[in-house]
């Protein structure tokens, strides 16, 4: 006959989780769009980059708390940030004339390690998603990169809404380290990086300037540290309050 366990051995309640601040009542920075406690604009020094960055953000992705698109655009002197779903051409998105054949779009589809050259961190793909034969030449004349900022489904929707992306090259990334987001965001794939991480990863390698990635990651770490400090210190308005 089973006996009832004593209270000493009874299952204990899970420890209370710290409320996550929403920063609803905090003023928002006009430059980076972040709540004041998370703003890192005071420590941003623009980088003089050669390879340009174009960030196209889905209207529903405007994450004021953990998003990095605006911060990435602020950090790079040659960058353009736009919010929307579609543009008739690359030139329209940039606001000036540009040849899409000399630009590259970060690849959204799945790619297997065996499809890339051995040891390659970036692989140039053709319009069918297959690696180009001459990788060195494919990477040599890239003038800029396009990053769709949003969830995987949002980014895919933007991809199909902008037919001009088919004229550009595609870049598949193979980062050796996962995103600094850690458990703050769940990515469906290991290669899923934040916008600022992806921009730093690609541009630093295309320009052969590792300091670009180092600087962008440093800015990202400061932002995440401020967020974690706010959570640990109870800063902002609690999502469990009100």
Foldseek 3Di string as FASTA:
>chain_A
DDDDDDPVPDDDDDDDDFFAFPQPVADADPQQRAGVLLDPVVPADADAFQAAEEEEEEPVAPDRQQACVSVLQSNYPRYYYYYDQEDAEPCRSVVHDDDQALAEEEDLDDDDPVQAPPPDQKFKAALVRGGDPPRVVLLQRRRYYYYYADASVSSVSSVVRYVNNNSYIYMYGDDPAAEPCVVVDDHPDRPDYHPLQVVLVSRCVSVVNNVSNVSSVVSSVSSVVSSVCCSVVVHHHGPPDD
